[in-house]
Every structure is written in C-alpha cells, then in structure tokens.
Amino acid sequence: MANERRLAIDPPERSAAERVGPHLLGRVYRPDPRDWSLDRLLEIAEPDEAVLQRTVEQVLRETPYFSDWRSYLVFWRWLRKHRPPVPPGPTPPPPTDAAPAWELKIQLDQADTPHCVGFGWSGWVDAAPVEGEYQNADGHALYYECKVIDGEPRAENGSTVRSGALAVRARGRLAAFAFATTLGEIDDWVNKQGSVVVGTNWTDDMFHPDAKGLVKPTGAVAGGHCYLLIDKIDAEDAYLFQNSWGATWGAKGRFTMKRSDFESLLHADGEACCAVELPR
C-alpha cells in the first residue's frame, strides 16, 4: 500500500518539456447543469456592517462552517487587505518587468502524465492573492483525488475542471466556484478577484509558442488541456497564462494568447472557472 501511494504522488523522472504531445492533454469536457453561473456567485449578499468590522481571523475562528456569504466575506476582506480595487477606466500597460496581476512564484511540471487538471488547480492554489505552496507531488495527488470524484480511481485518462474544483473544495481551500461564459466576465474577475482555471481544446500548433511565448490555436485539435489564466495584457490585447510543463517550455513556463483566439476556444466547449479562495 505504501508503494502504491508513493507511485500515485511522485512525478515520473521525465519532464513535460522533454516531450510535449497529446499525452499531456488530460482535460475532459463534461458540463454539469448544477454549476453556478458567475452572475449567481457575484449576487451573494454582503453581510451587515457589524460583521464587516471583524477581522479575517475572527470570522475564521467564530464561524465553524462557511455558508456562501461568509466564504465570500473572507475572500472579500482578504483581497482588499492585500490588493486595492482596480480604479475605473482603461488599464495602463504594465512595465515590461512587472509581475502578473496574480503572481505565481512556483513553477510546476506535470512531467510525462495527463494530470493537467490537478496541476491547473494546484497553480490556482499557489497564485496570489492567497498564495499557497503546492508542489509537483500535490498536483499529482490532486489529480488522483479528482479521479475518485470521477468514479474512476487511479485511472490515467484525464479529468474535468469541475472535479478539480470539488477536490480543492474538499481540501478546505475553496468556498464556491462558478463558470464565466464571456470575456467581459473573465476580464472583470481577473481585474478584481483572482486567477481563472481554464480548460480548452489544445491544437497541434499550440505546443510550440513563438520566441515571445505567444501561442496560436491553429492546426488540428490534439485534445483538451487545463491551465491557469493569471493576467490580462491590455497593451497586447492578450491574456497571460501559466502552464504546467516546466520552466523550459514557452516563456519560462508561461505563454500568451490573443483574446480573440482565447474567445474562440472558450466558445468551442471551453471552460473558465472562477473560484472563491479561502485563507489557509
């Protein structure tokens, strides 16, 4: 049993960047009518002023179980403590050496596996505003937790973005999640709230970013992939993404995509999952 568990969480020796290809594309598209829309998530009523005066620590200590509004309160308070709201108007272009809106300091590598869902959500845990410390072993372990939710324990056939959200929620790191359906909703979330876990088709040409890390969704569809949207780059009309194929792939593990190209992927059975993160 100990050996089986070790195999389940230890990454293989080969990095993903050593051999990119369809074997890395483990996202399965499986929508569920029970999922919330982003409008429903954002309609959660704010508590009264007396509750707003409490610290995050007080809410965590005094509330053993988080209903939806309380979990949103914790995120709301935490976010404003660490990051001021974005002022209205166009976003100025960041300096070339600026960190992404939702910085992610840990570069993950799913190695030669279809565990992208576990790694996409591990990146979400690691990214600001509530920075975690998940490593490669956590990405693999989270994938196998997804497969238990899927009813296919230990299967190596990929998983869904939704199962990833449920697995992270079971770990106590996620309060509620919803799926954005438009670029406007995604822009609003990235500008004010946090990163977005996305799942889309991945085409043959996307395996090979250009010298600046730009990918174009051209060529045949090779499969489905899960990755993390961490910033909106207005000056380039593009989004910045974090992949989980190691630092030698793309632009130090990251890539950009034009907003119009991402929109086409989103409308072709794509997913953009926005989640309310709980403090550790």
Protein backbone atom coordinates (compact mmCIF):
# COMPACT_ATOMS: atom_id res chain seq x y z
CA MET A 1 0.00 0.00 0.00
CA ALA A 2 2.82 2.43 0.83
CA ASN A 3 4.45 1.80 -2.54
CA GLU A 4 1.13 2.32 -4.32
CA ARG A 5 0.67 5.69 -2.61
CA ARG A 6 4.22 6.73 -3.47
CA LEU A 7 3.63 5.94 -7.13
CA ALA A 8 0.42 7.95 -7.03
CA ILE A 9 2.06 11.20 -5.92
CA ASP A 10 5.68 11.07 -7.07
CA PRO A 11 6.23 12.57 -10.55
CA PRO A 12 7.97 10.49 -13.21
CA GLU A 13 11.57 11.42 -13.94
CA ARG A 14 10.96 12.87 -17.39
CA SER A 15 9.81 16.48 -17.57
CA ALA A 16 6.92 17.53 -19.75
CA ALA A 17 9.13 19.90 -21.74
CA GLU A 18 11.29 16.99 -22.86
CA ARG A 19 8.46 15.54 -24.93
CA VAL A 20 5.35 17.63 -25.47
CA GLY A 21 2.40 16.00 -27.16
CA PRO A 22 -1.15 14.70 -26.74
CA HIS A 23 -0.13 12.51 -23.80
CA LEU A 24 -0.07 15.70 -21.69
CA LEU A 25 -3.63 16.72 -22.54
CA GLY A 26 -5.77 15.30 -19.75
CA ARG A 27 -8.71 17.70 -19.58
CA VAL A 28 -12.13 16.15 -20.22
CA TYR A 29 -15.10 18.38 -21.03
CA ARG A 30 -18.16 17.40 -19.02
CA PRO A 31 -20.56 20.28 -18.21
CA ASP A 32 -22.95 19.91 -15.31
CA PRO A 33 -26.33 21.71 -15.02
CA ARG A 34 -25.80 22.15 -11.28
CA ASP A 35 -22.86 24.51 -11.81
CA TRP A 36 -23.32 28.15 -10.90
CA SER A 37 -23.04 30.99 -13.38
CA LEU A 38 -20.70 33.82 -12.45
CA ASP A 39 -23.68 36.17 -12.04
CA ARG A 40 -25.09 33.93 -9.33
CA LEU A 41 -21.79 33.86 -7.47
CA LEU A 42 -21.44 37.64 -7.56
CA GLU A 43 -25.03 38.15 -6.38
CA ILE A 44 -24.15 36.77 -2.93
CA ALA A 45 -25.32 39.44 -0.50
CA GLU A 46 -22.71 41.19 1.63
CA PRO A 47 -23.20 40.90 5.41
CA ASP A 48 -24.14 43.84 7.61
CA GLU A 49 -21.62 46.41 8.84
CA ALA A 50 -21.10 44.71 12.22
CA VAL A 51 -19.79 41.59 10.52
CA LEU A 52 -17.65 43.62 8.13
CA GLN A 53 -15.78 45.11 11.09
CA ARG A 54 -14.47 41.70 12.12
CA THR A 55 -11.04 40.57 11.06
CA VAL A 56 -10.49 37.57 8.83
CA GLU A 57 -9.08 35.73 11.84
CA GLN A 58 -12.22 36.42 13.88
CA VAL A 59 -14.50 35.15 11.13
CA LEU A 60 -12.40 32.01 10.73
CA ARG A 61 -12.41 31.38 14.47
CA GLU A 62 -16.05 32.20 15.18
CA THR A 63 -17.67 30.52 12.17
CA PRO A 64 -17.09 26.74 12.10
CA TYR A 65 -18.99 26.30 8.84
CA PHE A 66 -18.93 28.76 5.95
CA SER A 67 -22.20 29.42 4.18
CA ASP A 68 -21.83 31.11 0.81
CA TRP A 69 -21.92 34.69 2.03
CA ARG A 70 -19.44 34.07 4.83
CA SER A 71 -16.94 32.48 2.48
CA TYR A 72 -17.34 35.40 0.13
CA LEU A 73 -16.81 37.75 3.07
CA VAL A 74 -13.50 36.10 3.94
CA PHE A 75 -12.31 36.41 0.35
CA TRP A 76 -13.61 39.98 0.08
CA ARG A 77 -11.82 41.08 3.24
CA TRP A 78 -8.63 39.22 2.40
CA LEU A 79 -8.47 40.61 -1.11
CA ARG A 80 -8.88 44.22 -0.05
CA LYS A 81 -6.26 43.77 2.63
CA HIS A 82 -3.64 42.67 0.14
CA ARG A 83 -4.69 44.32 -3.13
CA PRO A 84 -6.61 47.60 -3.66
CA PRO A 85 -9.57 47.63 -6.06
CA VAL A 86 -8.76 48.46 -9.68
CA PRO A 87 -9.82 52.07 -10.46
CA PRO A 88 -12.32 52.64 -13.30
CA GLY A 89 -11.05 53.39 -16.78
CA PRO A 90 -8.56 51.72 -19.10
CA THR A 91 -5.79 49.70 -17.50
CA PRO A 92 -2.36 51.24 -18.16
CA PRO A 93 0.19 48.94 -19.76
CA PRO A 94 2.44 47.37 -17.13
CA PRO A 95 6.21 47.83 -17.24
CA THR A 96 7.99 45.04 -19.08
CA ASP A 97 9.39 43.59 -15.86
CA ALA A 98 6.12 43.78 -13.90
CA ALA A 99 4.80 40.73 -12.11
CA PRO A 100 1.46 39.33 -13.32
CA ALA A 101 -1.70 40.58 -11.65
CA TRP A 102 -1.89 37.31 -9.74
CA GLU A 103 1.71 36.36 -9.19
CA LEU A 104 2.60 32.68 -9.19
CA LYS A 105 6.11 32.03 -7.93
CA ILE A 106 6.11 28.22 -8.08
CA GLN A 107 6.68 26.61 -11.49
CA LEU A 108 5.02 23.21 -11.66
CA ASP A 109 5.81 20.35 -14.03
CA GLN A 110 3.31 17.56 -14.56
CA ALA A 111 6.05 15.52 -16.23
CA ASP A 112 5.02 12.83 -18.70
CA THR A 113 1.42 12.50 -17.42
CA PRO A 114 -2.16 13.58 -18.31
CA HIS A 115 -2.53 15.21 -14.87
CA CYS A 116 -3.11 18.77 -16.11
CA VAL A 117 -6.32 19.26 -14.10
CA GLY A 118 -4.51 18.54 -10.84
CA PHE A 119 -1.74 20.92 -11.86
CA GLY A 120 -4.01 23.69 -13.13
CA TRP A 121 -5.79 23.78 -9.78
CA SER A 122 -2.51 23.48 -7.86
CA GLY A 123 -1.34 26.58 -9.71
CA TRP A 124 -4.55 28.33 -8.65
CA VAL A 125 -3.80 27.47 -5.01
CA ASP A 126 -0.25 28.82 -5.37
CA ALA A 127 -1.22 32.07 -7.11
CA ALA A 128 -2.00 35.36 -5.36
CA PRO A 129 -3.98 36.77 -3.64
CA VAL A 130 -3.87 33.81 -1.22
CA GLU A 131 -0.52 32.26 -2.08
CA GLY A 132 -0.09 28.55 -1.40
CA GLU A 133 2.90 26.24 -1.51
CA TYR A 134 1.71 23.31 -3.62
CA GLN A 135 4.48 21.40 -5.37
CA ASN A 136 4.53 18.74 -8.11
CA ALA A 137 3.57 15.98 -5.67
CA ASP A 138 0.46 17.97 -4.74
CA GLY A 139 -0.50 18.31 -8.40
CA HIS A 140 -0.30 14.55 -8.92
CA ALA A 141 -2.13 13.81 -5.66
CA LEU A 142 -4.87 16.29 -6.53
CA TYR A 143 -5.35 14.61 -9.90
CA TYR A 144 -5.93 11.25 -8.21
CA GLU A 145 -8.43 12.88 -5.86
CA CYS A 146 -10.24 14.09 -8.98
CA LYS A 147 -10.33 10.55 -10.32
CA VAL A 148 -12.02 9.35 -7.11
CA ILE A 149 -14.66 12.03 -7.66
CA ASP A 150 -14.97 10.87 -11.29
CA GLY A 151 -15.67 7.32 -10.09
CA GLU A 152 -12.51 6.05 -11.80
CA PRO A 153 -9.89 5.72 -9.04
CA ARG A 154 -6.27 5.77 -10.31
CA ALA A 155 -7.30 5.91 -13.97
CA GLU A 156 -4.88 7.74 -16.28
CA ASN A 157 -7.43 9.18 -18.70
CA GLY A 158 -7.62 12.81 -17.57
CA SER A 159 -10.27 14.59 -15.52
CA THR A 160 -12.61 17.58 -15.55
CA VAL A 161 -12.14 21.17 -14.39
CA ARG A 162 -15.24 20.69 -12.24
CA SER A 163 -13.77 17.66 -10.47
CA GLY A 164 -10.66 19.73 -9.77
CA ALA A 165 -12.78 22.42 -8.12
CA LEU A 166 -14.56 19.83 -5.99
CA ALA A 167 -11.26 18.26 -4.95
CA VAL A 168 -9.81 21.62 -3.90
CA ARG A 169 -13.03 22.41 -2.03
CA ALA A 170 -12.75 19.09 -0.19
CA ARG A 171 -9.28 20.21 0.93
CA GLY A 172 -10.79 23.32 2.50
CA ARG A 173 -9.18 25.80 0.11
CA LEU A 174 -12.21 26.74 -1.97
CA ALA A 175 -15.59 28.10 -0.86
CA ALA A 176 -17.58 28.37 -4.08
CA PHE A 177 -16.96 28.30 -7.82
CA ALA A 178 -18.75 29.37 -10.99
CA PHE A 179 -18.10 29.36 -14.71
CA ALA A 180 -17.66 32.53 -16.75
CA THR A 181 -19.14 32.48 -20.24
CA THR A 182 -17.86 35.74 -21.76
CA LEU A 183 -14.58 37.62 -21.99
CA GLY A 184 -16.21 40.50 -20.12
CA GLU A 185 -16.87 38.27 -17.12
CA ILE A 186 -13.34 36.89 -17.26
CA ASP A 187 -11.85 40.39 -17.52
CA ASP A 188 -13.82 41.57 -14.52
CA TRP A 189 -12.75 38.61 -12.41
CA VAL A 190 -9.06 38.88 -13.35
CA ASN A 191 -9.04 42.65 -12.78
CA LYS A 192 -10.63 42.49 -9.34
CA GLN A 193 -10.69 39.00 -7.86
CA GLY A 194 -8.05 36.46 -8.86
CA SER A 195 -6.78 33.96 -11.39
CA VAL A 196 -9.03 31.72 -13.50
CA VAL A 197 -8.66 27.98 -14.10
CA VAL A 198 -9.40 27.33 -17.76
CA GLY A 199 -9.94 24.19 -19.78
CA THR A 200 -9.98 24.29 -23.58
CA ASN A 201 -9.15 22.33 -26.65
CA TRP A 202 -5.42 22.31 -27.40
CA THR A 203 -4.27 22.26 -31.01
CA ASP A 204 -1.10 20.93 -32.61
CA ASP A 205 0.39 24.39 -33.14
CA MET A 206 -0.17 25.40 -29.50
CA PHE A 207 2.57 23.01 -28.40
CA HIS A 208 5.12 25.37 -29.96
CA PRO A 209 4.92 29.02 -28.78
CA ASP A 210 6.88 31.63 -30.74
CA ALA A 211 10.00 33.33 -29.38
CA LYS A 212 7.89 35.67 -27.22
CA GLY A 213 5.74 32.87 -25.82
CA LEU A 214 2.68 33.55 -27.99
CA VAL A 215 0.56 30.55 -28.97
CA LYS A 216 -1.99 30.37 -31.76
CA PRO A 217 -4.83 27.80 -31.68
CA THR A 218 -4.28 26.63 -35.24
CA GLY A 219 -3.90 23.12 -36.59
CA ALA A 220 -5.81 20.02 -35.62
CA VAL A 221 -7.24 19.59 -32.12
CA ALA A 222 -4.91 17.27 -30.19
CA GLY A 223 -7.02 17.01 -27.04
CA GLY A 224 -8.14 19.03 -24.02
CA HIS A 225 -5.85 20.87 -21.62
CA CYS A 226 -6.21 22.64 -18.26
CA TYR A 227 -4.11 25.69 -17.43
CA LEU A 228 -4.24 28.95 -15.46
CA LEU A 229 -5.08 32.48 -16.61
CA ILE A 230 -3.12 34.92 -14.43
CA ASP A 231 -3.28 38.32 -16.14
CA LYS A 232 -4.83 40.46 -18.86
CA ILE A 233 -2.33 42.36 -21.02
CA ASP A 234 -4.20 45.31 -22.47
CA ALA A 235 -1.26 46.62 -24.48
CA GLU A 236 -1.14 43.35 -26.44
CA ASP A 237 -4.89 42.58 -26.39
CA ALA A 238 -3.89 39.25 -24.88
CA TYR A 239 -4.04 37.10 -21.77
CA LEU A 240 -1.10 35.66 -19.84
CA PHE A 241 -1.29 32.01 -18.84
CA GLN A 242 0.73 29.69 -16.61
CA ASN A 243 1.29 26.19 -17.93
CA SER A 244 2.49 23.12 -16.00
CA TRP A 245 5.12 21.79 -18.38
CA GLY A 246 8.18 23.12 -16.56
CA ALA A 247 10.23 26.30 -16.89
CA THR A 248 11.90 25.28 -20.16
CA TRP A 249 8.62 25.31 -22.11
CA GLY A 250 7.29 28.54 -23.57
CA ALA A 251 8.36 31.79 -21.89
CA LYS A 252 9.76 30.31 -18.67
CA GLY A 253 6.70 28.09 -18.31
CA ARG A 254 4.18 30.74 -19.35
CA PHE A 255 2.52 31.75 -22.59
CA THR A 256 0.29 34.43 -24.03
CA MET A 257 -2.71 34.18 -26.33
CA LYS A 258 -4.67 36.87 -28.13
CA ARG A 259 -8.04 37.50 -26.51
CA SER A 260 -9.85 36.78 -29.76
CA ASP A 261 -8.10 33.41 -30.06
CA PHE A 262 -8.95 32.51 -26.48
CA GLU A 263 -12.54 33.54 -27.09
CA SER A 264 -12.79 31.09 -29.97
CA LEU A 265 -11.51 28.30 -27.70
CA LEU A 266 -13.92 29.32 -24.93
CA HIS A 267 -16.88 29.06 -27.30
CA ALA A 268 -15.74 25.64 -28.54
CA ASP A 269 -16.54 23.68 -25.34
CA GLY A 270 -14.11 25.75 -23.30
CA GLU A 271 -14.39 26.48 -19.58
CA ALA A 272 -13.27 29.36 -17.38
CA CYS A 273 -13.74 28.54 -13.70
CA CYS A 274 -13.74 31.43 -11.21
CA ALA A 275 -13.43 30.34 -7.60
CA VAL A 276 -13.57 32.00 -4.18
CA GLU A 277 -10.41 31.05 -2.32
CA LEU A 278 -10.25 30.61 1.45
CA PRO A 279 -7.23 31.69 3.51
CA ARG A 280 -5.05 28.88 4.69
